[in-house]
């Protein structure tokens, strides 16, 4: 788990929780991750023991990820991969703690984390709240109309930007999936020998004649039979074992590639 490639967040927030400062990061797919070791240290439980507990739990173990988190060390920002759980699973981790087994002076703190930590962290990314100050709503009601309007506009801009980032990420992901499906479908159709998806007899003849012409030019220079070599290059280039199994959608690309090859050899207009 430690050696996996760290996820790179698109947002990081520091959230005040009854005097403690918690870190929350969000990645491109919208998932919010929470570093677990700092929570263990804040509530006075042994991190190594809790890490072993997570690794024994089939659910938490499968959700744990390494995420790049930035902190300030010696006055400079430092980014390193830390072990995190998705926000939705933090409560599961916290409720696995037995408050009766921690130091008496920390028992109430552990219970407070179990009761309220999830909500406060979730609000940091839903409505911009970064503190457990329960009087904020009251203050907002007492604020001037201009201040309230400015606050609401700021929240709207944050939400708009967040939705735009997530939308772009989803569109990019869907585009990659569609491209992958297209390649798979093409391969399946070829494997099933759906001949209407292959090049026609006329197209196959054009390719064969082009290969013969290229092989002839190469043989003049090497004094060897270059026919097999030319077909080998063609098969590797287009991922087929028989040129008649070339998908029809690849025909124009194949002829352009062969034409360039012939022109590079001879300097003449291709066949």
Foldseek 3Di string as FASTA:
>chain_A
DQPDDAAEFPDKDWFADPNDTWIWTAHLQGWIKGFDPVVCVVLVHDPVVLVVVLCVDPVSVVQKGWHWDWDADPNDIDTDTGIIGTLVCVLVSLVVDDLVPGDPVRSVVSVCCNVPVSVRVVCCQVQNHRYPPPCVVVVLVVDDPVVVVVSVVVSVVSVVVSVVSNVVSVVVVVVVVVVVVVVVVLVVCLVVPPLVQWDDPVLLVVLLVLLVLLQVLVCVVVVDRCSVVSVVVLCVVQVDPDNRSRGPVCSVVSVVVSQVSNCVSPVDGGD
